[in-house]
C-alpha atoms as a PDB file:
ATOM      1  CA  MET A   1      22.018  33.539  13.009  1.00  0.00           C
ATOM      2  CA  GLU A   2      18.510  32.361  13.839  1.00  0.00           C
ATOM      3  CA  THR A   3      17.984  28.947  15.327  1.00  0.00           C
ATOM      4  CA  LEU A   4      16.197  26.148  13.677  1.00  0.00           C
ATOM      5  CA  GLY A   5      13.044  26.600  15.755  1.00  0.00           C
ATOM      6  CA  ILE A   6      12.677  30.243  14.977  1.00  0.00           C
ATOM      7  CA  ALA A   7      13.074  29.371  11.528  1.00  0.00           C
ATOM      8  CA  CYS A   8      10.364  26.635  11.607  1.00  0.00           C
ATOM      9  CA  ARG A   9       7.893  29.124  13.325  1.00  0.00           C
ATOM     10  CA  ARG A  10       8.672  31.909  11.027  1.00  0.00           C
ATOM     11  CA  LEU A  11       7.890  29.487   7.951  1.00  0.00           C
ATOM     12  CA  ALA A  12       4.786  28.108   9.716  1.00  0.00           C
ATOM     13  CA  PHE A  13       3.562  31.754  10.372  1.00  0.00           C
ATOM     14  CA  THR A  14       4.340  32.831   6.696  1.00  0.00           C
ATOM     15  CA  THR A  15       2.540  29.746   5.370  1.00  0.00           C
ATOM     16  CA  LYS A  16      -0.449  30.403   7.464  1.00  0.00           C
ATOM     17  CA  ALA A  17      -0.654  34.041   6.759  1.00  0.00           C
ATOM     18  CA  SER A  18      -0.275  33.490   3.045  1.00  0.00           C
ATOM     19  CA  GLY A  19      -3.017  30.796   2.996  1.00  0.00           C
ATOM     20  CA  ARG A  20      -0.599  28.284   1.296  1.00  0.00           C
ATOM     21  CA  ARG A  21       0.042  24.798   2.373  1.00  0.00           C
ATOM     22  CA  ILE A  22       3.423  23.363   2.444  1.00  0.00           C
ATOM     23  CA  SER A  23       4.205  21.116  -0.383  1.00  0.00           C
ATOM     24  CA  THR A  24       4.593  17.492   0.136  1.00  0.00           C
ATOM     25  CA  GLN A  25       5.722  16.365  -3.212  1.00  0.00           C
ATOM     26  CA  LYS A  26       8.979  14.856  -3.880  1.00  0.00           C
ATOM     27  CA  ALA A  27      11.972  17.037  -4.228  1.00  0.00           C
ATOM     28  CA  LEU A  28      12.948  18.063  -7.622  1.00  0.00           C
ATOM     29  CA  ALA A  29      16.532  18.143  -7.066  1.00  0.00           C
ATOM     30  CA  THR A  30      18.524  14.841  -6.989  1.00  0.00           C
ATOM     31  CA  ARG A  31      22.148  13.828  -6.243  1.00  0.00           C
ATOM     32  CA  TYR A  32      22.403  12.047  -9.566  1.00  0.00           C
ATOM     33  CA  ASP A  33      23.600  13.925 -12.559  1.00  0.00           C
ATOM     34  CA  PRO A  34      21.197  12.933 -15.381  1.00  0.00           C
ATOM     35  CA  ARG A  35      23.981  13.332 -17.701  1.00  0.00           C
ATOM     36  CA  VAL A  36      26.070  10.654 -15.884  1.00  0.00           C
ATOM     37  CA  PHE A  37      23.653   8.497 -14.203  1.00  0.00           C
ATOM     38  CA  ARG A  38      20.870   6.113 -15.473  1.00  0.00           C
ATOM     39  CA  ASP A  39      18.018   4.329 -13.799  1.00  0.00           C
ATOM     40  CA  PRO A  40      18.830   0.739 -12.484  1.00  0.00           C
ATOM     41  CA  ILE A  41      17.111  -2.283 -13.843  1.00  0.00           C
ATOM     42  CA  ILE A  42      14.786  -3.586 -11.263  1.00  0.00           C
ATOM     43  CA  LYS A  43      12.941  -6.507 -13.155  1.00  0.00           C
ATOM     44  CA  LEU A  44      14.570  -9.817 -12.667  1.00  0.00           C
ATOM     45  CA  ASP A  45      13.833 -11.154 -16.184  1.00  0.00           C
ATOM     46  CA  GLU A  46      15.341  -7.939 -17.848  1.00  0.00           C
ATOM     47  CA  LEU A  47      18.365  -8.027 -15.436  1.00  0.00           C
ATOM     48  CA  ASN A  48      19.365 -11.476 -16.765  1.00  0.00           C
ATOM     49  CA  LYS A  49      19.424 -10.402 -20.313  1.00  0.00           C
ATOM     50  CA  LYS A  50      22.490  -8.894 -21.999  1.00  0.00           C
ATOM     51  CA  LEU A  51      22.532  -5.116 -22.565  1.00  0.00           C
ATOM     52  CA  ALA A  52      22.504  -3.997 -26.194  1.00  0.00           C
ATOM     53  CA  PRO A  53      25.966  -2.538 -27.250  1.00  0.00           C
ATOM     54  CA  GLU A  54      24.346   0.920 -27.744  1.00  0.00           C
ATOM     55  CA  ASP A  55      22.816   0.923 -24.238  1.00  0.00           C
ATOM     56  CA  GLU A  56      24.056   3.878 -22.212  1.00  0.00           C
ATOM     57  CA  LYS A  57      24.230   1.586 -19.096  1.00  0.00           C
ATOM     58  CA  ASN A  58      27.447   0.064 -20.560  1.00  0.00           C
ATOM     59  CA  PHE A  59      29.440   3.024 -20.089  1.00  0.00           C
ATOM     60  CA  LEU A  60      27.457   5.461 -17.542  1.00  0.00           C
ATOM     61  CA  TYR A  61      26.940   5.204 -13.883  1.00  0.00           C
ATOM     62  CA  ILE A  62      23.906   3.505 -12.472  1.00  0.00           C
ATOM     63  CA  LYS A  63      21.574   5.007  -9.585  1.00  0.00           C
ATOM     64  CA  ALA A  64      21.279   3.154  -6.312  1.00  0.00           C
ATOM     65  CA  MET A  65      18.355   0.896  -6.141  1.00  0.00           C
ATOM     66  CA  GLU A  66      15.638   1.703  -3.476  1.00  0.00           C
ATOM     67  CA  SER A  67      14.990  -0.902  -0.853  1.00  0.00           C
ATOM     68  CA  ASP A  68      11.640  -1.960  -2.393  1.00  0.00           C
ATOM     69  CA  ASP A  69      13.149  -2.324  -5.849  1.00  0.00           C
ATOM     70  CA  THR A  70      15.683  -5.079  -4.930  1.00  0.00           C
ATOM     71  CA  PRO A  71      15.097  -7.720  -7.564  1.00  0.00           C
ATOM     72  CA  VAL A  72      15.156 -10.948  -5.584  1.00  0.00           C
ATOM     73  CA  PHE A  73      12.432 -13.594  -5.882  1.00  0.00           C
ATOM     74  CA  TYR A  74      11.190 -13.678  -2.337  1.00  0.00           C
ATOM     75  CA  ARG A  75      10.588  -9.877  -2.120  1.00  0.00           C
ATOM     76  CA  ASN A  76       7.237  -8.439  -3.156  1.00  0.00           C
ATOM     77  CA  GLU A  77       6.365  -4.693  -3.254  1.00  0.00           C
ATOM     78  CA  VAL A  78       2.667  -5.132  -1.935  1.00  0.00           C
ATOM     79  CA  VAL A  79       4.046  -7.329   0.932  1.00  0.00           C
ATOM     80  CA  ASP A  80       6.775  -5.113   1.916  1.00  0.00           C
ATOM     81  CA  LYS A  81       4.231  -2.159   1.952  1.00  0.00           C
ATOM     82  CA  LEU A  82       1.916  -4.346   4.172  1.00  0.00           C
ATOM     83  CA  VAL A  83       4.925  -5.012   6.582  1.00  0.00           C
ATOM     84  CA  ARG A  84       5.479  -1.053   6.918  1.00  0.00           C
ATOM     85  CA  VAL A  85       1.802  -0.391   7.340  1.00  0.00           C
ATOM     86  CA  CYS A  86       1.313  -3.132   9.996  1.00  0.00           C
ATOM     87  CA  MET A  87       4.568  -2.048  12.022  1.00  0.00           C
ATOM     88  CA  LYS A  88       3.999  -0.767  15.363  1.00  0.00           C
ATOM     89  CA  ASP A  89       6.389   1.276  17.537  1.00  0.00           C
ATOM     90  CA  GLY A  90       9.309   0.638  15.125  1.00  0.00           C
ATOM     91  CA  GLY A  91       8.980  -3.221  15.447  1.00  0.00           C
ATOM     92  CA  LYS A  92       9.528  -3.987  11.706  1.00  0.00           C
ATOM     93  CA  GLU A  93      10.862  -7.509  12.278  1.00  0.00           C
ATOM     94  CA  THR A  94       7.879  -8.303  14.502  1.00  0.00           C
ATOM     95  CA  SER A  95       5.619  -7.066  11.622  1.00  0.00           C
ATOM     96  CA  ARG A  96       7.583  -8.930   9.012  1.00  0.00           C
ATOM     97  CA  ASN A  97       7.147 -12.158  10.977  1.00  0.00           C
ATOM     98  CA  ASN A  98       3.441 -11.684  11.369  1.00  0.00           C
ATOM     99  CA  ILE A  99       2.876 -11.018   7.694  1.00  0.00           C
ATOM    100  CA  PHE A 100       5.051 -13.950   6.495  1.00  0.00           C
ATOM    101  CA  SER A 101       3.434 -16.222   8.975  1.00  0.00           C
ATOM    102  CA  ALA A 102       0.213 -15.229   7.456  1.00  0.00           C
ATOM    103  CA  LEU A 103       1.343 -15.961   4.099  1.00  0.00           C
ATOM    104  CA  GLU A 104       2.522 -19.569   5.296  1.00  0.00           C
ATOM    105  CA  ILE A 105      -0.959 -20.010   6.671  1.00  0.00           C
ATOM    106  CA  ILE A 106      -2.470 -18.841   3.247  1.00  0.00           C
ATOM    107  CA  LYS A 107      -0.072 -21.180   1.445  1.00  0.00           C
ATOM    108  CA  ARG A 108      -1.164 -24.223   3.580  1.00  0.00           C
ATOM    109  CA  ARG A 109      -4.759 -23.612   3.053  1.00  0.00           C
ATOM    110  CA  GLN A 110      -4.617 -23.211  -0.534  1.00  0.00           C
ATOM    111  CA  TYR A 111      -2.323 -26.288  -0.921  1.00  0.00           C
ATOM    112  CA  LYS A 112      -5.016 -28.184   0.962  1.00  0.00           C
ATOM    113  CA  LEU A 113      -7.702 -26.994  -1.362  1.00  0.00           C
ATOM    114  CA  TRP A 114      -5.703 -27.916  -4.398  1.00  0.00           C
ATOM    115  CA  ARG A 115      -5.103 -31.398  -3.023  1.00  0.00           C
ATOM    116  CA  GLU A 116      -8.696 -32.058  -2.265  1.00  0.00           C
ATOM    117  CA  ALA A 117      -9.887 -30.861  -5.561  1.00  0.00           C
ATOM    118  CA  PRO A 118     -11.358 -33.756  -7.499  1.00  0.00           C
ATOM    119  CA  THR A 119     -10.445 -32.441 -11.196  1.00  0.00           C
ATOM    120  CA  GLU A 120      -7.566 -30.883 -12.897  1.00  0.00           C
ATOM    121  CA  GLU A 121      -9.920 -27.926 -13.897  1.00  0.00           C
ATOM    122  CA  GLU A 122     -10.660 -27.079 -10.297  1.00  0.00           C
ATOM    123  CA  LYS A 123      -7.023 -27.371  -9.365  1.00  0.00           C
ATOM    124  CA  ALA A 124      -6.129 -24.900 -12.062  1.00  0.00           C
ATOM    125  CA  LYS A 125      -8.535 -22.546 -10.590  1.00  0.00           C
ATOM    126  CA  ILE A 126      -6.865 -22.613  -7.134  1.00  0.00           C
ATOM    127  CA  GLU A 127      -4.242 -20.006  -6.660  1.00  0.00           C
ATOM    128  CA  THR A 128      -1.391 -21.539  -4.366  1.00  0.00           C
ATOM    129  CA  ASN A 129       1.134 -18.653  -4.511  1.00  0.00           C
ATOM    130  CA  PRO A 130       0.523 -16.702  -1.323  1.00  0.00           C
ATOM    131  CA  PHE A 131       2.014 -13.560  -2.786  1.00  0.00           C
ATOM    132  CA  LYS A 132      -0.378 -13.326  -5.730  1.00  0.00           C
ATOM    133  CA  VAL A 133      -3.482 -14.019  -3.122  1.00  0.00           C
ATOM    134  CA  ALA A 134      -2.096 -11.079  -1.115  1.00  0.00           C
ATOM    135  CA  GLU A 135      -1.775  -8.745  -4.029  1.00  0.00           C
ATOM    136  CA  LYS A 136      -5.285  -9.653  -5.335  1.00  0.00           C
ATOM    137  CA  GLY A 137      -6.952  -9.424  -1.889  1.00  0.00           C
ATOM    138  CA  ILE A 138      -5.388  -5.886  -1.445  1.00  0.00           C
ATOM    139  CA  LYS A 139      -6.370  -4.916  -4.838  1.00  0.00           C
ATOM    140  CA  ASN A 140     -10.051  -6.014  -4.170  1.00  0.00           C
ATOM    141  CA  CYS A 141     -10.002  -3.817  -1.123  1.00  0.00           C
ATOM    142  CA  HIS A 142      -8.957  -0.559  -2.843  1.00  0.00           C
ATOM    143  CA  PRO A 143     -11.648   2.065  -2.407  1.00  0.00           C
ATOM    144  CA  LEU A 144     -12.525   4.137  -5.461  1.00  0.00           C
ATOM    145  CA  MET A 145     -13.413   7.422  -3.593  1.00  0.00           C
ATOM    146  CA  LYS A 146     -12.689   9.102  -0.250  1.00  0.00           C
ATOM    147  CA  LEU A 147     -14.275  11.779   1.847  1.00  0.00           C
ATOM    148  CA  MET A 148     -12.542  14.987   2.756  1.00  0.00           C
ATOM    149  CA  PRO A 149     -13.789  17.914   4.815  1.00  0.00           C
ATOM    150  CA  VAL A 150     -14.403  21.092   2.822  1.00  0.00           C
ATOM    151  CA  THR A 151     -15.548  24.319   4.631  1.00  0.00           C
ATOM    152  CA  ARG A 152     -17.864  26.749   2.829  1.00  0.00           C
ATOM    153  CA  GLY A 153     -19.772  29.621   4.348  1.00  0.00           C
ATOM    154  CA  GLY A 154     -18.828  28.433   7.927  1.00  0.00           C
ATOM    155  CA  THR A 155     -20.147  24.989   7.407  1.00  0.00           C
ATOM    156  CA  THR A 156     -17.924  21.989   6.809  1.00  0.00           C
ATOM    157  CA  TYR A 157     -18.941  19.397   4.376  1.00  0.00           C
ATOM    158  CA  ARG A 158     -17.732  15.950   3.741  1.00  0.00           C
ATOM    159  CA  VAL A 159     -16.959  15.842   0.006  1.00  0.00           C
ATOM    160  CA  PRO A 160     -16.155  12.931  -2.016  1.00  0.00           C
ATOM    161  CA  PHE A 161     -12.919  13.026  -4.068  1.00  0.00           C
ATOM    162  CA  PRO A 162     -11.518  10.597  -6.387  1.00  0.00           C
ATOM    163  CA  ILE A 163      -8.643   8.561  -4.917  1.00  0.00           C
ATOM    164  CA  GLU A 164      -5.244   7.870  -6.622  1.00  0.00           C
ATOM    165  CA  GLU A 165      -3.935   4.270  -6.924  1.00  0.00           C
ATOM    166  CA  LYS A 166      -1.181   4.720  -4.153  1.00  0.00           C
ATOM    167  CA  GLU A 167      -3.398   6.127  -1.767  1.00  0.00           C
ATOM    168  CA  ALA A 168      -6.029   3.559  -2.408  1.00  0.00           C
ATOM    169  CA  GLU A 169      -3.611   0.975  -1.865  1.00  0.00           C
ATOM    170  CA  PHE A 170      -2.525   2.418   1.671  1.00  0.00           C
ATOM    171  CA  ARG A 171      -6.137   2.985   2.771  1.00  0.00           C
ATOM    172  CA  ALA A 172      -7.079  -0.681   1.897  1.00  0.00           C
ATOM    173  CA  MET A 173      -3.881  -1.889   3.877  1.00  0.00           C
ATOM    174  CA  LYS A 174      -4.951   0.319   6.747  1.00  0.00           C
ATOM    175  CA  MET A 175      -8.377  -0.703   6.988  1.00  0.00           C
ATOM    176  CA  MET A 176      -7.236  -4.419   7.066  1.00  0.00           C
ATOM    177  CA  ARG A 177      -4.708  -3.723   9.697  1.00  0.00           C
ATOM    178  CA  ASP A 178      -7.183  -1.906  12.125  1.00  0.00           C
ATOM    179  CA  ILE A 179      -9.873  -4.548  11.498  1.00  0.00           C
ATOM    180  CA  CYS A 180      -7.367  -7.444  12.474  1.00  0.00           C
ATOM    181  CA  ARG A 181      -5.601  -5.499  15.359  1.00  0.00           C
ATOM    182  CA  GLY A 182      -9.169  -5.027  16.857  1.00  0.00           C
ATOM    183  CA  LYS A 183      -9.779  -8.768  16.597  1.00  0.00           C
ATOM    184  CA  ALA A 184      -6.421  -9.719  17.853  1.00  0.00           C
ATOM    185  CA  LYS A 185      -6.722  -7.467  20.856  1.00  0.00           C
ATOM    186  CA  HIS A 186      -9.768  -9.265  22.135  1.00  0.00           C
ATOM    187  CA  SER A 187      -8.657 -12.922  21.277  1.00  0.00           C
ATOM    188  CA  LYS A 188      -6.599 -15.137  23.481  1.00  0.00           C
ATOM    189  CA  ILE A 189      -6.274 -17.974  20.867  1.00  0.00           C
ATOM    190  CA  LEU A 190      -5.516 -16.490  17.474  1.00  0.00           C
ATOM    191  CA  HIS A 191      -2.794 -13.967  16.892  1.00  0.00           C
ATOM    192  CA  PHE A 192      -2.475 -10.958  14.456  1.00  0.00           C
ATOM    193  CA  GLY A 193      -0.961 -13.182  11.609  1.00  0.00           C
ATOM    194  CA  ASP A 194      -4.009 -15.409  11.865  1.00  0.00           C
ATOM    195  CA  TYR A 195      -6.378 -12.752  11.308  1.00  0.00           C
ATOM    196  CA  ILE A 196      -4.455 -11.260   8.614  1.00  0.00           C
ATOM    197  CA  ALA A 197      -4.395 -14.509   6.858  1.00  0.00           C
ATOM    198  CA  ASN A 198      -8.162 -14.856   7.123  1.00  0.00           C
ATOM    199  CA  GLU A 199      -8.812 -11.448   6.011  1.00  0.00           C
ATOM    200  CA  LEU A 200      -6.526 -11.751   2.973  1.00  0.00           C
ATOM    201  CA  LEU A 201      -8.268 -14.877   1.828  1.00  0.00           C
ATOM    202  CA  ALA A 202     -11.678 -13.463   2.508  1.00  0.00           C
ATOM    203  CA  ALA A 203     -10.687 -10.435   0.432  1.00  0.00           C
ATOM    204  CA  TYR A 204      -9.162 -12.465  -2.330  1.00  0.00           C
ATOM    205  CA  ASN A 205     -12.756 -13.953  -2.860  1.00  0.00           C
ATOM    206  CA  ASN A 206     -14.386 -10.344  -2.369  1.00  0.00           C
ATOM    207  CA  GLU A 207     -15.584 -11.176   1.076  1.00  0.00           C
ATOM    208  CA  GLY A 208     -14.700 -10.046   4.626  1.00  0.00           C
ATOM    209  CA  GLN A 209     -14.968  -7.135   6.801  1.00  0.00           C
ATOM    210  CA  THR A 210     -12.380  -5.017   4.827  1.00  0.00           C
ATOM    211  CA  ILE A 211     -14.607  -5.523   1.718  1.00  0.00           C
ATOM    212  CA  GLN A 212     -17.534  -4.425   3.805  1.00  0.00           C
ATOM    213  CA  ALA A 213     -15.659  -1.226   4.931  1.00  0.00           C
ATOM    214  CA  LYS A 214     -14.871  -0.385   1.438  1.00  0.00           C
ATOM    215  CA  GLN A 215     -18.475  -0.735   0.545  1.00  0.00           C
ATOM    216  CA  GLU A 216     -19.571   1.323   3.529  1.00  0.00           C
ATOM    217  CA  LEU A 217     -17.331   3.941   2.459  1.00  0.00           C
ATOM    218  CA  HIS A 218     -18.662   4.015  -1.249  1.00  0.00           C
ATOM    219  CA  LYS A 219     -22.162   4.308   0.265  1.00  0.00           C
ATOM    220  CA  GLN A 220     -21.117   7.308   2.431  1.00  0.00           C
ATOM    221  CA  CYS A 221     -19.632   8.841  -0.883  1.00  0.00           C
ATOM    222  CA  GLU A 222     -22.730   8.249  -2.684  1.00  0.00           C
ATOM    223  CA  ALA A 223     -24.783   9.805  -0.002  1.00  0.00           C
ATOM    224  CA  ASN A 224     -22.872  13.017  -0.109  1.00  0.00           C
ATOM    225  CA  ARG A 225     -22.477  13.315  -3.839  1.00  0.00           C
ATOM    226  CA  ALA A 226     -24.597  16.475  -3.789  1.00  0.00           C
ATOM    227  CA  TYR A 227     -21.545  18.104  -2.196  1.00  0.00           C
ATOM    228  CA  ALA A 228     -19.275  17.124  -5.112  1.00  0.00           C
ATOM    229  CA  HIS A 229     -19.292  20.568  -6.597  1.00  0.00           C
ATOM    230  CA  TYR A 230     -17.455  21.894  -3.550  1.00  0.00           C
ATOM    231  CA  ARG A 231     -14.226  20.064  -4.689  1.00  0.00           C
ATOM    232  CA  GLY A 232     -12.869  23.282  -6.490  1.00  0.00           C
END
């Protein structure tokens, strides 16, 4: 019986020889029998409603929730992803403390602006929910295109490709993380959480270095649009 290492090398050689890439898509098989299990309810408002008598969830099993789908009021999918992206060397608790301290800073600053606003109309325009500020800030940093190397005739070109929503969100968080880490590394006064708060507030208003990095990427994609026909 061949060892695991030999099997992996054989798979890598076969994949390389055939010119195919190993698929990274989710597995099609699942432990949950579709005849017996149904998807869980992950939205809090729907969870509080009564199920209809004919709903299959009344008499069938329910799949286990994923960790990001837990319907509690203090959990936010975007913030949870930002915690994972900013995690370093497995220190998830440290990363979570940094992100939540940044959200607290955002809350204090926005609340101060709200109190100092002279009219009710101006107060209504100020967002005091730090989770919504973080969501919109990350959303504003989403790139629309990405550059990927494509080799044609012995020459490698940087070809612009459209980007999916999930990858755009990850790239936005990664750009923001790298910018804030670079600033925190050379600062003895402010910490990583302070820079994350500054960058999220700036991105919320379509400002800041992460927005500039996104615009610079778009300029590079525009400059290389002549190679777009190499996508196929």
